[in-house]
């Protein structure tokens, strides 16, 4: 059992127990948010320490530090994380956790599941080679590879709900205003 949710994967009888455990864990949160909507507003923060000499930015995370650097397409040597890759990793992480949560709530048993994101960007824009070339990801594809016995209609609903409730997917699909200012 992890966080109150039984973990006997593959046991169809256990799917309902896992769904119930998840609902019980989330019930007090949902109740509180309905009673006081402002309590649901959550602020997330990330801070990077910049090393100009190394051309890197180091981001502390709960899993350790991530050192981001230039992508090989922009002069990096490939030994540091690329910010474009990090955003795709955030997308697949969020989509994966959302998929697992929604599948649990729907009592859909996933024998295995992988989520892959592919993004396209034009290095000319980032390097200032062509002022008309876009800067940033211009296309993102999200692929779900699922091994399940669930009916196709239920899988389609699972994917639709995953897309709807994935914070990173929704943020990318409907981007917020980004304000840049000096501290």
Protein backbone atom coordinates (compact mmCIF):
# COMPACT_ATOMS: atom_id res chain seq x y z
CA UNK A 1 0.00 0.00 0.00
CA UNK A 2 1.31 3.42 -0.93
CA UNK A 3 -0.31 6.52 0.57
CA UNK A 4 -3.43 4.54 1.44
CA UNK A 5 -3.95 3.12 -2.05
CA UNK A 6 -3.67 -0.68 -2.36
CA UNK A 7 -0.99 -1.62 -4.88
CA UNK A 8 -1.90 -5.12 -6.03
CA UNK A 9 -1.77 -4.24 -9.70
CA UNK A 10 -3.53 -6.67 -11.99
CA UNK A 11 -6.14 -7.73 -9.43
CA UNK A 12 -9.47 -6.58 -10.96
CA UNK A 13 -11.21 -6.85 -7.58
CA UNK A 14 -8.63 -4.48 -6.16
CA UNK A 15 -9.32 -1.79 -8.80
CA UNK A 16 -12.44 -0.67 -6.96
CA UNK A 17 -10.55 -0.56 -3.65
CA UNK A 18 -7.85 1.61 -5.20
CA UNK A 19 -10.46 3.93 -6.71
CA UNK A 20 -12.20 4.21 -3.33
CA UNK A 21 -8.92 4.91 -1.53
CA UNK A 22 -8.05 7.67 -4.00
CA UNK A 23 -11.50 9.25 -3.64
CA UNK A 24 -11.21 9.10 0.17
CA UNK A 25 -7.80 10.79 0.04
CA UNK A 26 -9.09 13.55 -2.25
CA UNK A 27 -12.55 14.00 -0.67
CA UNK A 28 -11.48 16.41 2.11
CA UNK A 29 -9.53 18.50 -0.40
CA UNK A 30 -12.45 18.70 -2.82
CA UNK A 31 -14.83 19.58 0.03
CA UNK A 32 -12.53 22.33 1.30
CA UNK A 33 -12.10 23.76 -2.21
CA UNK A 34 -15.87 23.79 -2.80
CA UNK A 35 -16.46 25.55 0.53
CA UNK A 36 -13.60 28.01 0.04
CA UNK A 37 -12.57 28.27 -3.63
CA UNK A 38 -9.70 30.62 -2.80
CA UNK A 39 -8.04 27.85 -0.76
CA UNK A 40 -7.52 25.92 -4.01
CA UNK A 41 -5.25 28.59 -5.48
CA UNK A 42 -1.78 27.13 -5.23
CA UNK A 43 1.47 28.88 -6.03
CA UNK A 44 4.33 26.85 -7.45
CA UNK A 45 7.80 28.35 -7.63
CA UNK A 46 11.03 27.35 -9.32
CA UNK A 47 14.34 29.17 -8.97
CA UNK A 48 17.55 28.67 -10.91
CA UNK A 49 21.06 29.73 -10.00
CA UNK A 50 22.85 30.99 -13.11
CA UNK A 51 26.52 30.27 -13.85
CA UNK A 52 27.52 32.57 -16.70
CA UNK A 53 30.97 31.03 -17.15
CA UNK A 54 29.56 27.52 -17.55
CA UNK A 55 26.50 28.78 -19.47
CA UNK A 56 24.26 26.78 -17.12
CA UNK A 57 21.36 27.24 -14.75
CA UNK A 58 21.02 24.91 -11.75
CA UNK A 59 17.55 24.12 -10.47
CA UNK A 60 17.08 22.46 -7.09
CA UNK A 61 14.27 19.86 -7.09
CA UNK A 62 12.97 17.38 -4.55
CA UNK A 63 14.86 14.72 -6.52
CA UNK A 64 18.18 16.59 -6.59
CA UNK A 65 19.68 19.38 -8.64
CA UNK A 66 19.14 19.66 -12.38
CA UNK A 67 21.81 21.49 -14.34
CA UNK A 68 20.46 22.96 -17.56
CA UNK A 69 22.70 24.06 -20.38
CA UNK A 70 22.75 24.68 -24.09
CA UNK A 71 21.25 22.09 -26.42
CA UNK A 72 23.76 20.68 -28.93
CA UNK A 73 21.80 22.46 -31.70
CA UNK A 74 22.78 25.77 -30.05
CA UNK A 75 26.38 25.00 -29.10
CA UNK A 76 26.02 22.76 -26.06
CA UNK A 77 27.89 19.50 -25.64
CA UNK A 78 24.84 17.52 -24.53
CA UNK A 79 26.05 16.90 -20.96
CA UNK A 80 23.46 19.18 -19.33
CA UNK A 81 19.71 19.06 -19.42
CA UNK A 82 18.07 21.11 -22.18
CA UNK A 83 15.22 23.41 -21.17
CA UNK A 84 13.20 22.29 -24.20
CA UNK A 85 13.58 18.70 -23.05
CA UNK A 86 12.70 19.70 -19.48
CA UNK A 87 9.37 21.18 -20.57
CA UNK A 88 8.59 17.95 -22.46
CA UNK A 89 9.64 15.93 -19.41
CA UNK A 90 7.31 18.04 -17.26
CA UNK A 91 4.53 17.34 -19.76
CA UNK A 92 5.00 13.55 -19.75
CA UNK A 93 5.40 13.51 -15.96
CA UNK A 94 2.17 15.44 -15.47
CA UNK A 95 0.31 13.46 -18.13
CA UNK A 96 1.56 10.19 -16.63
CA UNK A 97 0.50 11.06 -13.07
CA UNK A 98 -2.83 12.36 -14.34
CA UNK A 99 -3.34 9.21 -16.44
CA UNK A 100 -2.62 6.99 -13.43
CA UNK A 101 -4.98 8.99 -11.21
CA UNK A 102 -7.81 9.07 -13.73
CA UNK A 103 -7.36 5.36 -14.56
CA UNK A 104 -7.53 4.58 -10.85
CA UNK A 105 -10.67 6.68 -10.38
CA UNK A 106 -12.27 4.97 -13.40
CA UNK A 107 -11.16 1.50 -12.24
CA UNK A 108 -9.23 1.02 -15.49
CA UNK A 109 -6.39 -1.43 -15.01
CA UNK A 110 -3.22 -0.46 -16.89
CA UNK A 111 -0.77 -3.37 -17.16
CA UNK A 112 1.71 -0.86 -18.52
CA UNK A 113 1.63 2.67 -19.81
CA UNK A 114 4.16 5.04 -21.30
CA UNK A 115 3.75 8.66 -22.29
CA UNK A 116 6.07 10.20 -24.87
CA UNK A 117 6.22 13.85 -25.87
CA UNK A 118 7.96 15.05 -29.01
CA UNK A 119 8.56 18.72 -29.61
CA UNK A 120 9.85 20.65 -32.60
CA UNK A 121 11.72 23.93 -32.45
CA UNK A 122 13.86 25.96 -34.82
CA UNK A 123 17.39 26.60 -33.52
CA UNK A 124 17.69 29.57 -35.92
CA UNK A 125 15.25 31.54 -33.79
CA UNK A 126 17.06 30.82 -30.53
CA UNK A 127 20.44 31.70 -32.06
CA UNK A 128 19.15 34.86 -33.73
CA UNK A 129 20.12 33.57 -37.18
CA UNK A 130 16.75 34.49 -38.69
CA UNK A 131 14.56 37.10 -37.01
CA UNK A 132 11.50 35.54 -38.64
CA UNK A 133 12.25 32.07 -37.25
CA UNK A 134 10.16 31.28 -34.17
CA UNK A 135 11.75 30.98 -30.74
CA UNK A 136 10.40 28.07 -28.73
CA UNK A 137 8.51 24.88 -29.33
CA UNK A 138 6.17 25.20 -32.28
CA UNK A 139 4.67 21.71 -32.27
CA UNK A 140 4.22 19.13 -29.52
CA UNK A 141 2.85 15.62 -29.94
CA UNK A 142 1.83 13.51 -26.94
CA UNK A 143 1.65 9.75 -27.43
CA UNK A 144 0.11 7.30 -24.95
CA UNK A 145 1.07 3.62 -25.26
CA UNK A 146 -1.34 1.66 -23.08
CA UNK A 147 -1.62 -2.04 -22.32
CA UNK A 148 -5.13 -2.55 -20.95
CA UNK A 149 -8.17 -4.74 -21.42
CA UNK A 150 -10.51 -1.75 -21.07
CA UNK A 151 -13.01 -1.20 -23.87
CA UNK A 152 -11.96 1.35 -26.51
CA UNK A 153 -14.71 3.76 -25.47
CA UNK A 154 -13.44 3.73 -21.88
CA UNK A 155 -9.84 4.25 -23.05
CA UNK A 156 -10.94 7.22 -25.17
CA UNK A 157 -12.67 8.70 -22.10
CA UNK A 158 -9.54 8.04 -20.02
CA UNK A 159 -7.37 9.93 -22.51
CA UNK A 160 -9.87 12.79 -22.84
CA UNK A 161 -9.98 13.23 -19.06
CA UNK A 162 -6.19 12.97 -18.83
CA UNK A 163 -5.85 15.75 -21.39
CA UNK A 164 -8.46 17.85 -19.60
CA UNK A 165 -6.91 17.55 -16.13
CA UNK A 166 -3.18 17.56 -16.96
CA UNK A 167 -1.91 20.91 -15.66
CA UNK A 168 1.07 21.10 -18.01
CA UNK A 169 -0.91 20.08 -21.11
CA UNK A 170 -3.59 22.66 -20.32
CA UNK A 171 -0.94 25.33 -19.66
CA UNK A 172 0.73 24.65 -23.00
CA UNK A 173 -2.60 24.53 -24.86
CA UNK A 174 -3.82 27.79 -23.31
CA UNK A 175 -0.67 29.60 -22.18
CA UNK A 176 -0.87 32.16 -19.39
CA UNK A 177 0.63 35.60 -19.73
CA UNK A 178 4.31 35.50 -18.78
CA UNK A 179 5.56 38.64 -17.11
CA UNK A 180 9.31 39.27 -17.17
CA UNK A 181 10.70 41.79 -14.69
CA UNK A 182 13.76 42.52 -12.62
CA UNK A 183 13.75 41.69 -8.91
